């Protein structure tokens, strides 16, 4: 199993130039620690229902990181594509792909926060249709010499993007089940539009919130069934999962969660108890977290993208020792 790291590019209200400037050194340390990929999340605004903090612009952060790393793949996990214009994104993708020497992965999702959409002037109800049309346009701009497109949301006449990448960057899609269909209460329900989106992608990032290995496995079974139904080998889709984490060297679960809880609360907000957070994310002793990761590996996960809830570089040392090294050597 490979390991990715979502950079702690949190837009803390009390951030300083010095603190944000350390992201480059953090990225270099992560590369040296053995991570296979580095990612950046996008949230334009803090979203009190889930996140108490926003994140710095992902594409700007990745441009900085591309300049200070050499080996790791770089990606968005995820870019809220419906908030952007596809021609602008295509140019940004081209730029990042060339700056990184072909290491860029475009990870996208529909987004969900109503206030972010209202702020950007985009109707939330259009997000899925917008994403699908935008991906079509972006793929064409990255592979065709001249593109004319007249769709529901976007219109382009004889547009050329140059230079085009020698090979278009992979596209990874985020999404998963939101509930269960009435006729199949024991089976997760992934909307047909989401499945179709995954079926056209190079990779799939299953959701992290509220997910244990059994939920990830159930979603993966549905995705595999869909891929086979359209004649696609599931082995051609990279299967990834994102998770938030903080490692503690405490000897008991209670002590570990007591230590980890405040760090999670700063990111997630104080509306959820620490045990509730532990049910969704990677909290507990190192043994607890290793068991959770082993369960995910057993599901067939190919890449686990973990997100530290602090920018403390000591967390990278702990993750390298207790997660990356043992699980990379095992798989």
C-alpha atoms as a PDB file:
ATOM      1  CA  UNK A   1       0.000   0.000   0.000  1.00  0.00           C
ATOM      2  CA  UNK A   2       1.202   3.496  -0.844  1.00  0.00           C
ATOM      3  CA  UNK A   3       0.939   6.473   1.464  1.00  0.00           C
ATOM      4  CA  UNK A   4       0.030  10.012   0.581  1.00  0.00           C
ATOM      5  CA  UNK A   5       0.073  12.994   2.903  1.00  0.00           C
ATOM      6  CA  UNK A   6      -2.311  15.932   2.788  1.00  0.00           C
ATOM      7  CA  UNK A   7      -0.259  18.943   3.760  1.00  0.00           C
ATOM      8  CA  UNK A   8      -1.408  20.920   6.834  1.00  0.00           C
ATOM      9  CA  UNK A   9      -2.115  24.036   4.763  1.00  0.00           C
ATOM     10  CA  UNK A  10      -4.670  25.267   7.291  1.00  0.00           C
ATOM     11  CA  UNK A  11      -5.670  28.926   6.984  1.00  0.00           C
ATOM     12  CA  UNK A  12      -5.527  29.567  10.727  1.00  0.00           C
ATOM     13  CA  UNK A  13      -6.942  32.990  11.647  1.00  0.00           C
ATOM     14  CA  UNK A  14      -3.780  33.696  13.646  1.00  0.00           C
ATOM     15  CA  UNK A  15      -1.379  32.440  10.951  1.00  0.00           C
ATOM     16  CA  UNK A  16       1.954  34.191  10.479  1.00  0.00           C
ATOM     17  CA  UNK A  17       4.202  34.474   7.435  1.00  0.00           C
ATOM     18  CA  UNK A  18       6.753  32.301   9.224  1.00  0.00           C
ATOM     19  CA  UNK A  19       4.242  29.543   9.988  1.00  0.00           C
ATOM     20  CA  UNK A  20       2.850  29.327   6.461  1.00  0.00           C
ATOM     21  CA  UNK A  21       6.361  29.602   5.046  1.00  0.00           C
ATOM     22  CA  UNK A  22       7.312  26.363   6.778  1.00  0.00           C
ATOM     23  CA  UNK A  23       5.103  24.352   4.391  1.00  0.00           C
ATOM     24  CA  UNK A  24       7.998  23.977   1.972  1.00  0.00           C
ATOM     25  CA  UNK A  25      10.288  22.470   4.598  1.00  0.00           C
ATOM     26  CA  UNK A  26       7.411  20.261   5.777  1.00  0.00           C
ATOM     27  CA  UNK A  27       6.908  18.976   2.219  1.00  0.00           C
ATOM     28  CA  UNK A  28      10.609  18.192   1.841  1.00  0.00           C
ATOM     29  CA  UNK A  29      10.588  16.330   5.145  1.00  0.00           C
ATOM     30  CA  UNK A  30       7.538  14.313   4.040  1.00  0.00           C
ATOM     31  CA  UNK A  31       9.295  13.335   0.819  1.00  0.00           C
ATOM     32  CA  UNK A  32      12.377  12.252   2.781  1.00  0.00           C
ATOM     33  CA  UNK A  33      10.147  10.312   5.201  1.00  0.00           C
ATOM     34  CA  UNK A  34       9.041   8.030   2.371  1.00  0.00           C
ATOM     35  CA  UNK A  35       5.590   9.324   1.468  1.00  0.00           C
ATOM     36  CA  UNK A  36       4.631   8.547  -2.126  1.00  0.00           C
ATOM     37  CA  UNK A  37       2.483  11.614  -2.730  1.00  0.00           C
ATOM     38  CA  UNK A  38       1.600  15.020  -1.284  1.00  0.00           C
ATOM     39  CA  UNK A  39      -1.879  16.508  -1.513  1.00  0.00           C
ATOM     40  CA  UNK A  40      -3.757  19.668  -0.638  1.00  0.00           C
ATOM     41  CA  UNK A  41      -7.410  19.998   0.349  1.00  0.00           C
ATOM     42  CA  UNK A  42      -9.609  22.914  -0.738  1.00  0.00           C
ATOM     43  CA  UNK A  43     -12.068  24.790   1.426  1.00  0.00           C
ATOM     44  CA  UNK A  44     -12.624  28.419   0.545  1.00  0.00           C
ATOM     45  CA  UNK A  45     -14.287  29.116   3.907  1.00  0.00           C
ATOM     46  CA  UNK A  46     -14.532  27.534   7.316  1.00  0.00           C
ATOM     47  CA  UNK A  47     -17.591  25.270   7.448  1.00  0.00           C
ATOM     48  CA  UNK A  48     -18.823  25.057  11.052  1.00  0.00           C
ATOM     49  CA  UNK A  49     -20.887  21.946  10.345  1.00  0.00           C
ATOM     50  CA  UNK A  50     -17.676  19.992   9.721  1.00  0.00           C
ATOM     51  CA  UNK A  51     -14.531  22.146   9.671  1.00  0.00           C
ATOM     52  CA  UNK A  52     -13.649  25.057  11.962  1.00  0.00           C
ATOM     53  CA  UNK A  53     -10.952  26.306   9.593  1.00  0.00           C
ATOM     54  CA  UNK A  54     -10.442  26.993   5.893  1.00  0.00           C
ATOM     55  CA  UNK A  55      -7.403  25.963   3.845  1.00  0.00           C
ATOM     56  CA  UNK A  56      -4.986  28.028   1.777  1.00  0.00           C
ATOM     57  CA  UNK A  57      -5.455  27.886  -1.998  1.00  0.00           C
ATOM     58  CA  UNK A  58      -4.447  24.361  -3.061  1.00  0.00           C
ATOM     59  CA  UNK A  59      -2.988  25.185  -6.458  1.00  0.00           C
ATOM     60  CA  UNK A  60      -0.800  27.977  -5.109  1.00  0.00           C
ATOM     61  CA  UNK A  61       0.441  25.688  -2.332  1.00  0.00           C
ATOM     62  CA  UNK A  62       1.240  22.915  -4.815  1.00  0.00           C
ATOM     63  CA  UNK A  63       3.159  25.311  -7.065  1.00  0.00           C
ATOM     64  CA  UNK A  64       5.345  26.121  -4.058  1.00  0.00           C
ATOM     65  CA  UNK A  65       5.728  22.457  -3.144  1.00  0.00           C
ATOM     66  CA  UNK A  66       6.627  21.490  -6.721  1.00  0.00           C
ATOM     67  CA  UNK A  67       9.662  23.757  -6.476  1.00  0.00           C
ATOM     68  CA  UNK A  68      11.046  22.121  -3.331  1.00  0.00           C
ATOM     69  CA  UNK A  69      10.379  18.411  -4.033  1.00  0.00           C
ATOM     70  CA  UNK A  70      11.698  16.017  -6.661  1.00  0.00           C
ATOM     71  CA  UNK A  71      10.089  12.579  -6.412  1.00  0.00           C
ATOM     72  CA  UNK A  72       6.644  12.644  -4.814  1.00  0.00           C
ATOM     73  CA  UNK A  73       3.487  12.923  -6.859  1.00  0.00           C
ATOM     74  CA  UNK A  74       1.474  16.076  -6.154  1.00  0.00           C
ATOM     75  CA  UNK A  75      -2.291  16.348  -6.184  1.00  0.00           C
ATOM     76  CA  UNK A  76      -5.464  18.046  -5.068  1.00  0.00           C
ATOM     77  CA  UNK A  77      -7.589  16.075  -2.629  1.00  0.00           C
ATOM     78  CA  UNK A  78      -9.786  17.594  -3.578  1.00  0.00           C
ATOM     79  CA  UNK A  79     -10.340  20.639  -5.785  1.00  0.00           C
ATOM     80  CA  UNK A  80     -13.961  21.842  -5.599  1.00  0.00           C
ATOM     81  CA  UNK A  81     -14.250  21.981  -9.356  1.00  0.00           C
ATOM     82  CA  UNK A  82     -17.747  23.518  -9.719  1.00  0.00           C
ATOM     83  CA  UNK A  83     -16.468  26.760  -8.155  1.00  0.00           C
ATOM     84  CA  UNK A  84     -14.045  27.298 -11.059  1.00  0.00           C
ATOM     85  CA  UNK A  85     -14.059  27.830 -14.823  1.00  0.00           C
ATOM     86  CA  UNK A  86     -12.705  24.848 -16.793  1.00  0.00           C
ATOM     87  CA  UNK A  87     -10.439  26.920 -19.045  1.00  0.00           C
ATOM     88  CA  UNK A  88      -8.792  28.520 -16.007  1.00  0.00           C
ATOM     89  CA  UNK A  89      -8.375  25.116 -14.368  1.00  0.00           C
ATOM     90  CA  UNK A  90      -6.906  23.660 -17.560  1.00  0.00           C
ATOM     91  CA  UNK A  91      -4.240  26.366 -17.627  1.00  0.00           C
ATOM     92  CA  UNK A  92      -3.501  25.817 -13.920  1.00  0.00           C
ATOM     93  CA  UNK A  93      -3.226  22.060 -14.459  1.00  0.00           C
ATOM     94  CA  UNK A  94      -0.847  22.544 -17.382  1.00  0.00           C
ATOM     95  CA  UNK A  95       1.292  24.916 -15.331  1.00  0.00           C
ATOM     96  CA  UNK A  96       1.484  22.566 -12.337  1.00  0.00           C
ATOM     97  CA  UNK A  97       2.189  19.566 -14.529  1.00  0.00           C
ATOM     98  CA  UNK A  98       5.149  21.301 -16.175  1.00  0.00           C
ATOM     99  CA  UNK A  99       6.429  22.819 -12.913  1.00  0.00           C
ATOM    100  CA  UNK A 100       6.389  19.374 -11.294  1.00  0.00           C
ATOM    101  CA  UNK A 101       7.866  17.487 -14.226  1.00  0.00           C
ATOM    102  CA  UNK A 102       4.712  15.457 -14.826  1.00  0.00           C
ATOM    103  CA  UNK A 103       4.001  14.590 -11.184  1.00  0.00           C
ATOM    104  CA  UNK A 104       0.578  16.249 -10.889  1.00  0.00           C
ATOM    105  CA  UNK A 105      -2.730  14.456 -10.214  1.00  0.00           C
ATOM    106  CA  UNK A 106      -6.010  16.346 -10.570  1.00  0.00           C
ATOM    107  CA  UNK A 107      -8.260  15.200  -7.735  1.00  0.00           C
ATOM    108  CA  UNK A 108     -11.729  16.728  -7.886  1.00  0.00           C
ATOM    109  CA  UNK A 109     -15.090  16.602  -6.164  1.00  0.00           C
ATOM    110  CA  UNK A 110     -18.430  18.347  -6.274  1.00  0.00           C
ATOM    111  CA  UNK A 111     -18.110  20.121  -2.922  1.00  0.00           C
ATOM    112  CA  UNK A 112     -20.996  20.435  -0.493  1.00  0.00           C
ATOM    113  CA  UNK A 113     -20.815  23.655   1.514  1.00  0.00           C
ATOM    114  CA  UNK A 114     -23.724  25.949   0.643  1.00  0.00           C
ATOM    115  CA  UNK A 115     -21.993  29.121   1.825  1.00  0.00           C
ATOM    116  CA  UNK A 116     -18.930  28.475  -0.331  1.00  0.00           C
ATOM    117  CA  UNK A 117     -21.141  28.098  -3.388  1.00  0.00           C
ATOM    118  CA  UNK A 118     -23.177  31.200  -2.549  1.00  0.00           C
ATOM    119  CA  UNK A 119     -19.965  33.182  -2.044  1.00  0.00           C
ATOM    120  CA  UNK A 120     -18.661  32.055  -5.440  1.00  0.00           C
ATOM    121  CA  UNK A 121     -22.011  32.766  -7.114  1.00  0.00           C
ATOM    122  CA  UNK A 122     -22.572  29.148  -8.146  1.00  0.00           C
ATOM    123  CA  UNK A 123     -25.891  27.371  -7.397  1.00  0.00           C
ATOM    124  CA  UNK A 124     -25.237  24.376  -5.170  1.00  0.00           C
ATOM    125  CA  UNK A 125     -27.878  22.317  -6.984  1.00  0.00           C
ATOM    126  CA  UNK A 126     -25.845  22.555 -10.204  1.00  0.00           C
ATOM    127  CA  UNK A 127     -22.622  21.201  -8.725  1.00  0.00           C
ATOM    128  CA  UNK A 128     -22.770  17.665 -10.150  1.00  0.00           C
ATOM    129  CA  UNK A 129     -23.735  18.719 -13.656  1.00  0.00           C
ATOM    130  CA  UNK A 130     -21.128  21.476 -13.617  1.00  0.00           C
ATOM    131  CA  UNK A 131     -18.377  19.096 -12.530  1.00  0.00           C
ATOM    132  CA  UNK A 132     -19.203  16.618 -15.286  1.00  0.00           C
ATOM    133  CA  UNK A 133     -19.217  19.284 -17.980  1.00  0.00           C
ATOM    134  CA  UNK A 134     -16.035  20.875 -16.654  1.00  0.00           C
ATOM    135  CA  UNK A 135     -14.145  17.591 -16.659  1.00  0.00           C
ATOM    136  CA  UNK A 136     -15.194  16.985 -20.251  1.00  0.00           C
ATOM    137  CA  UNK A 137     -13.901  20.426 -21.254  1.00  0.00           C
ATOM    138  CA  UNK A 138     -10.662  20.118 -19.263  1.00  0.00           C
ATOM    139  CA  UNK A 139      -9.872  16.696 -20.707  1.00  0.00           C
ATOM    140  CA  UNK A 140     -10.367  18.037 -24.216  1.00  0.00           C
ATOM    141  CA  UNK A 141      -8.280  21.161 -23.597  1.00  0.00           C
ATOM    142  CA  UNK A 142      -5.426  18.991 -22.331  1.00  0.00           C
ATOM    143  CA  UNK A 143      -5.502  16.586 -25.270  1.00  0.00           C
ATOM    144  CA  UNK A 144      -6.919  18.336 -28.357  1.00  0.00           C
ATOM    145  CA  UNK A 145      -5.302  21.046 -30.445  1.00  0.00           C
ATOM    146  CA  UNK A 146      -8.427  23.193 -30.747  1.00  0.00           C
ATOM    147  CA  UNK A 147     -11.601  22.902 -28.696  1.00  0.00           C
ATOM    148  CA  UNK A 148     -15.079  24.197 -29.437  1.00  0.00           C
ATOM    149  CA  UNK A 149     -17.668  23.423 -26.794  1.00  0.00           C
ATOM    150  CA  UNK A 150     -21.219  24.629 -26.266  1.00  0.00           C
ATOM    151  CA  UNK A 151     -22.783  23.065 -23.195  1.00  0.00           C
ATOM    152  CA  UNK A 152     -25.255  23.906 -20.478  1.00  0.00           C
ATOM    153  CA  UNK A 153     -22.817  26.039 -18.471  1.00  0.00           C
ATOM    154  CA  UNK A 154     -19.750  26.754 -20.589  1.00  0.00           C
ATOM    155  CA  UNK A 155     -19.064  27.959 -24.120  1.00  0.00           C
ATOM    156  CA  UNK A 156     -15.697  27.887 -25.883  1.00  0.00           C
ATOM    157  CA  UNK A 157     -14.979  28.697 -29.524  1.00  0.00           C
ATOM    158  CA  UNK A 158     -11.762  27.420 -31.119  1.00  0.00           C
ATOM    159  CA  UNK A 159      -9.740  27.523 -27.908  1.00  0.00           C
ATOM    160  CA  UNK A 160      -6.166  26.226 -27.916  1.00  0.00           C
ATOM    161  CA  UNK A 161      -4.148  25.511 -24.778  1.00  0.00           C
ATOM    162  CA  UNK A 162      -0.408  25.249 -25.329  1.00  0.00           C
ATOM    163  CA  UNK A 163       1.849  23.673 -24.416  1.00  0.00           C
ATOM    164  CA  UNK A 164      -0.212  20.600 -23.681  1.00  0.00           C
ATOM    165  CA  UNK A 165       1.309  18.032 -21.315  1.00  0.00           C
ATOM    166  CA  UNK A 166       3.021  15.089 -23.050  1.00  0.00           C
ATOM    167  CA  UNK A 167       0.558  12.943 -21.093  1.00  0.00           C
ATOM    168  CA  UNK A 168      -2.548  14.463 -19.478  1.00  0.00           C
ATOM    169  CA  UNK A 169      -2.426  14.211 -15.671  1.00  0.00           C
ATOM    170  CA  UNK A 170      -4.560  11.489 -14.088  1.00  0.00           C
ATOM    171  CA  UNK A 171      -7.998  12.520 -12.841  1.00  0.00           C
ATOM    172  CA  UNK A 172      -9.137  11.175  -9.473  1.00  0.00           C
ATOM    173  CA  UNK A 173     -12.729  11.525  -8.289  1.00  0.00           C
ATOM    174  CA  UNK A 174     -13.922  11.815  -4.695  1.00  0.00           C
ATOM    175  CA  UNK A 175     -17.280  10.504  -3.565  1.00  0.00           C
ATOM    176  CA  UNK A 176     -19.083   7.629  -1.949  1.00  0.00           C
ATOM    177  CA  UNK A 177     -22.319   6.409  -0.454  1.00  0.00           C
ATOM    178  CA  UNK A 178     -24.605   8.786   1.387  1.00  0.00           C
ATOM    179  CA  UNK A 179     -27.094   6.232   2.626  1.00  0.00           C
ATOM    180  CA  UNK A 180     -28.892   3.072   1.643  1.00  0.00           C
ATOM    181  CA  UNK A 181     -31.443   2.456  -1.053  1.00  0.00           C
ATOM    182  CA  UNK A 182     -34.884   1.507   0.363  1.00  0.00           C
ATOM    183  CA  UNK A 183     -34.981  -1.730  -1.619  1.00  0.00           C
ATOM    184  CA  UNK A 184     -31.488  -2.786  -0.430  1.00  0.00           C
ATOM    185  CA  UNK A 185     -31.117  -1.624   3.192  1.00  0.00           C
ATOM    186  CA  UNK A 186     -27.968  -3.713   3.712  1.00  0.00           C
ATOM    187  CA  UNK A 187     -26.173  -2.265   0.697  1.00  0.00           C
ATOM    188  CA  UNK A 188     -24.721   1.264   0.463  1.00  0.00           C
ATOM    189  CA  UNK A 189     -26.279   3.516  -2.132  1.00  0.00           C
ATOM    190  CA  UNK A 190     -23.960   5.446  -4.428  1.00  0.00           C
ATOM    191  CA  UNK A 191     -25.853   7.708  -6.806  1.00  0.00           C
ATOM    192  CA  UNK A 192     -25.734   6.577 -10.453  1.00  0.00           C
ATOM    193  CA  UNK A 193     -24.239   9.924 -11.480  1.00  0.00           C
ATOM    194  CA  UNK A 194     -21.427   9.451  -8.941  1.00  0.00           C
ATOM    195  CA  UNK A 195     -20.751   5.909 -10.152  1.00  0.00           C
ATOM    196  CA  UNK A 196     -20.634   7.109 -13.757  1.00  0.00           C
ATOM    197  CA  UNK A 197     -18.173   9.816 -12.718  1.00  0.00           C
ATOM    198  CA  UNK A 198     -15.957   7.265 -10.966  1.00  0.00           C
ATOM    199  CA  UNK A 199     -16.173   5.016 -14.012  1.00  0.00           C
ATOM    200  CA  UNK A 200     -14.620   7.701 -16.209  1.00  0.00           C
ATOM    201  CA  UNK A 201     -11.810   8.503 -13.757  1.00  0.00           C
ATOM    202  CA  UNK A 202      -8.275   7.205 -13.284  1.00  0.00           C
ATOM    203  CA  UNK A 203      -8.622   7.024  -9.504  1.00  0.00           C
ATOM    204  CA  UNK A 204     -11.262   7.107  -6.777  1.00  0.00           C
ATOM    205  CA  UNK A 205     -10.938   8.638  -3.304  1.00  0.00           C
ATOM    206  CA  UNK A 206     -13.492   7.199  -0.907  1.00  0.00           C
ATOM    207  CA  UNK A 207     -14.819   9.542   1.750  1.00  0.00           C
ATOM    208  CA  UNK A 208     -13.258   9.666   5.212  1.00  0.00           C
ATOM    209  CA  UNK A 209     -15.963  11.169   7.414  1.00  0.00           C
ATOM    210  CA  UNK A 210     -17.722   8.458   9.396  1.00  0.00           C
ATOM    211  CA  UNK A 211     -15.890   5.713   7.540  1.00  0.00           C
ATOM    212  CA  UNK A 212     -14.434   2.581   9.052  1.00  0.00           C
ATOM    213  CA  UNK A 213     -12.962  -0.229   6.979  1.00  0.00           C
ATOM    214  CA  UNK A 214     -16.308  -2.012   6.640  1.00  0.00           C
ATOM    215  CA  UNK A 215     -17.919   1.084   5.116  1.00  0.00           C
ATOM    216  CA  UNK A 216     -14.990   1.642   2.775  1.00  0.00           C
ATOM    217  CA  UNK A 217     -15.154  -2.019   1.755  1.00  0.00           C
ATOM    218  CA  UNK A 218     -18.895  -1.846   1.114  1.00  0.00           C
ATOM    219  CA  UNK A 219     -18.473   1.199  -1.121  1.00  0.00           C
ATOM    220  CA  UNK A 220     -15.569  -0.446  -2.968  1.00  0.00           C
ATOM    221  CA  UNK A 221     -17.693  -3.529  -3.683  1.00  0.00           C
ATOM    222  CA  UNK A 222     -20.383  -1.305  -5.234  1.00  0.00           C
ATOM    223  CA  UNK A 223     -17.795   0.538  -7.319  1.00  0.00           C
ATOM    224  CA  UNK A 224     -16.242  -2.712  -8.548  1.00  0.00           C
ATOM    225  CA  UNK A 225     -19.646  -4.100  -9.501  1.00  0.00           C
ATOM    226  CA  UNK A 226     -20.379  -0.958 -11.477  1.00  0.00           C
ATOM    227  CA  UNK A 227     -17.041  -1.042 -13.286  1.00  0.00           C
ATOM    228  CA  UNK A 228     -17.577  -4.639 -14.325  1.00  0.00           C
ATOM    229  CA  UNK A 229     -21.080  -3.763 -15.535  1.00  0.00           C
ATOM    230  CA  UNK A 230     -19.618  -1.230 -17.984  1.00  0.00           C
ATOM    231  CA  UNK A 231     -16.871  -3.590 -19.115  1.00  0.00           C
ATOM    232  CA  UNK A 232     -14.020  -2.013 -17.165  1.00  0.00           C
ATOM    233  CA  UNK A 233     -11.489  -3.970 -15.134  1.00  0.00           C
ATOM    234  CA  UNK A 234     -11.570  -2.643 -11.524  1.00  0.00           C
ATOM    235  CA  UNK A 235      -7.807  -3.099 -11.472  1.00  0.00           C
ATOM    236  CA  UNK A 236      -7.474  -0.128 -13.829  1.00  0.00           C
ATOM    237  CA  UNK A 237      -8.883   2.264 -11.198  1.00  0.00           C
ATOM    238  CA  UNK A 238      -6.598   3.461  -8.399  1.00  0.00           C
ATOM    239  CA  UNK A 239      -8.445   2.947  -5.101  1.00  0.00           C
ATOM    240  CA  UNK A 240      -7.554   5.551  -2.455  1.00  0.00           C
ATOM    241  CA  UNK A 241      -8.948   6.714   0.869  1.00  0.00           C
ATOM    242  CA  UNK A 242      -8.407   9.927   2.831  1.00  0.00           C
ATOM    243  CA  UNK A 243      -8.161  10.108   6.621  1.00  0.00           C
ATOM    244  CA  UNK A 244      -7.274  12.629   9.335  1.00  0.00           C
ATOM    245  CA  UNK A 245      -4.709  11.514  11.908  1.00  0.00           C
ATOM    246  CA  UNK A 246      -2.664  12.463  14.954  1.00  0.00           C
ATOM    247  CA  UNK A 247      -0.259   9.966  16.481  1.00  0.00           C
ATOM    248  CA  UNK A 248       0.213   9.789  20.234  1.00  0.00           C
ATOM    249  CA  UNK A 249       2.766   7.692  22.099  1.00  0.00           C
ATOM    250  CA  UNK A 250       0.412   7.408  25.091  1.00  0.00           C
ATOM    251  CA  UNK A 251       0.097   3.916  26.537  1.00  0.00           C
ATOM    252  CA  UNK A 252      -3.712   3.748  26.713  1.00  0.00           C
ATOM    253  CA  UNK A 253      -6.523   4.644  24.356  1.00  0.00           C
ATOM    254  CA  UNK A 254      -8.066   7.054  26.873  1.00  0.00           C
ATOM    255  CA  UNK A 255      -4.811   8.941  27.344  1.00  0.00           C
ATOM    256  CA  UNK A 256      -4.155   9.026  23.609  1.00  0.00           C
ATOM    257  CA  UNK A 257      -7.598  10.408  22.757  1.00  0.00           C
ATOM    258  CA  UNK A 258      -7.329  12.978  25.542  1.00  0.00           C
ATOM    259  CA  UNK A 259      -4.103  14.180  23.917  1.00  0.00           C
ATOM    260  CA  UNK A 260      -5.379  14.014  20.332  1.00  0.00           C
ATOM    261  CA  UNK A 261      -8.819  15.493  20.930  1.00  0.00           C
ATOM    262  CA  UNK A 262      -7.853  19.177  21.210  1.00  0.00           C
ATOM    263  CA  UNK A 263      -5.879  19.022  17.954  1.00  0.00           C
ATOM    264  CA  UNK A 264      -8.878  17.519  16.150  1.00  0.00           C
ATOM    265  CA  UNK A 265     -11.242  20.021  17.769  1.00  0.00           C
ATOM    266  CA  UNK A 266      -9.183  22.922  16.447  1.00  0.00           C
ATOM    267  CA  UNK A 267      -9.699  21.608  12.900  1.00  0.00           C
ATOM    268  CA  UNK A 268     -13.162  20.040  13.178  1.00  0.00           C
ATOM    269  CA  UNK A 269     -14.794  22.366  15.707  1.00  0.00           C
ATOM    270  CA  UNK A 270     -16.136  21.653  19.178  1.00  0.00           C
ATOM    271  CA  UNK A 271     -19.556  20.317  18.168  1.00  0.00           C
ATOM    272  CA  UNK A 272     -18.344  16.681  18.197  1.00  0.00           C
ATOM    273  CA  UNK A 273     -17.071  14.716  21.166  1.00  0.00           C
ATOM    274  CA  UNK A 274     -13.667  13.079  21.111  1.00  0.00           C
ATOM    275  CA  UNK A 275     -15.098   9.535  20.975  1.00  0.00           C
ATOM    276  CA  UNK A 276     -17.300  10.566  18.059  1.00  0.00           C
ATOM    277  CA  UNK A 277     -14.212  11.853  16.258  1.00  0.00           C
ATOM    278  CA  UNK A 278     -12.395   8.611  17.075  1.00  0.00           C
ATOM    279  CA  UNK A 279     -15.156   6.649  15.349  1.00  0.00           C
ATOM    280  CA  UNK A 280     -14.580   8.571  12.121  1.00  0.00           C
ATOM    281  CA  UNK A 281     -10.871   9.332  12.064  1.00  0.00           C
ATOM    282  CA  UNK A 282      -7.520   7.869  13.138  1.00  0.00           C
ATOM    283  CA  UNK A 283      -7.331   8.433  16.899  1.00  0.00           C
ATOM    284  CA  UNK A 284      -6.234   6.184  19.747  1.00  0.00           C
ATOM    285  CA  UNK A 285      -2.961   4.479  20.531  1.00  0.00           C
ATOM    286  CA  UNK A 286      -0.440   3.696  17.829  1.00  0.00           C
ATOM    287  CA  UNK A 287      -1.573   0.063  18.011  1.00  0.00           C
ATOM    288  CA  UNK A 288      -5.208   1.168  17.546  1.00  0.00           C
ATOM    289  CA  UNK A 289      -4.322   3.206  14.491  1.00  0.00           C
ATOM    290  CA  UNK A 290      -2.146   0.473  13.007  1.00  0.00           C
ATOM    291  CA  UNK A 291      -5.067  -1.950  13.336  1.00  0.00           C
ATOM    292  CA  UNK A 292      -7.355   0.519  11.537  1.00  0.00           C
ATOM    293  CA  UNK A 293      -4.819   0.867   8.735  1.00  0.00           C
ATOM    294  CA  UNK A 294      -4.340  -2.903   8.513  1.00  0.00           C
ATOM    295  CA  UNK A 295      -8.113  -3.277   8.135  1.00  0.00           C
ATOM    296  CA  UNK A 296      -8.063  -0.764   5.273  1.00  0.00           C
ATOM    297  CA  UNK A 297      -5.176  -2.590   3.604  1.00  0.00           C
ATOM    298  CA  UNK A 298      -7.144  -5.842   3.850  1.00  0.00           C
ATOM    299  CA  UNK A 299     -10.004  -4.214   1.933  1.00  0.00           C
ATOM    300  CA  UNK A 300      -7.664  -3.802  -1.039  1.00  0.00           C
ATOM    301  CA  UNK A 301      -6.853  -0.128  -0.573  1.00  0.00           C
ATOM    302  CA  UNK A 302      -3.998   0.946  -2.827  1.00  0.00           C
ATOM    303  CA  UNK A 303      -3.217   4.376  -1.373  1.00  0.00           C
ATOM    304  CA  UNK A 304      -4.035   5.861   2.024  1.00  0.00           C
ATOM    305  CA  UNK A 305      -3.877   9.664   2.060  1.00  0.00           C
ATOM    306  CA  UNK A 306      -3.477  10.807   5.653  1.00  0.00           C
ATOM    307  CA  UNK A 307      -3.981  14.334   6.945  1.00  0.00           C
ATOM    308  CA  UNK A 308      -2.174  15.453  10.105  1.00  0.00           C
ATOM    309  CA  UNK A 309      -4.283  17.837  12.175  1.00  0.00           C
ATOM    310  CA  UNK A 310      -1.214  19.877  13.137  1.00  0.00           C
ATOM    311  CA  UNK A 311       1.818  21.183  11.275  1.00  0.00           C
ATOM    312  CA  UNK A 312       4.168  19.787  13.930  1.00  0.00           C
ATOM    313  CA  UNK A 313       7.047  18.140  12.011  1.00  0.00           C
ATOM    314  CA  UNK A 314       7.437  15.602  14.819  1.00  0.00           C
ATOM    315  CA  UNK A 315       4.228  14.006  13.555  1.00  0.00           C
ATOM    316  CA  UNK A 316       6.026  13.227  10.294  1.00  0.00           C
ATOM    317  CA  UNK A 317       8.723  11.352  12.200  1.00  0.00           C
ATOM    318  CA  UNK A 318       6.096   9.319  14.050  1.00  0.00           C
ATOM    319  CA  UNK A 319       4.142   8.595  10.873  1.00  0.00           C
ATOM    320  CA  UNK A 320       7.296   7.535   9.044  1.00  0.00           C
ATOM    321  CA  UNK A 321       8.226   5.141  11.846  1.00  0.00           C
ATOM    322  CA  UNK A 322       4.843   3.688  12.771  1.00  0.00           C
ATOM    323  CA  UNK A 323       2.851   3.879   9.524  1.00  0.00           C
ATOM    324  CA  UNK A 324       4.844   4.371   6.333  1.00  0.00           C
ATOM    325  CA  UNK A 325       7.750   2.031   7.085  1.00  0.00           C
ATOM    326  CA  UNK A 326       5.854  -0.996   8.458  1.00  0.00           C
ATOM    327  CA  UNK A 327       2.974  -0.928   5.991  1.00  0.00           C
ATOM    328  CA  UNK A 328       5.048  -0.099   2.931  1.00  0.00           C
ATOM    329  CA  UNK A 329       7.399  -3.003   3.686  1.00  0.00           C
ATOM    330  CA  UNK A 330       4.403  -5.267   4.309  1.00  0.00           C
ATOM    331  CA  UNK A 331       2.842  -4.493   0.962  1.00  0.00           C
END
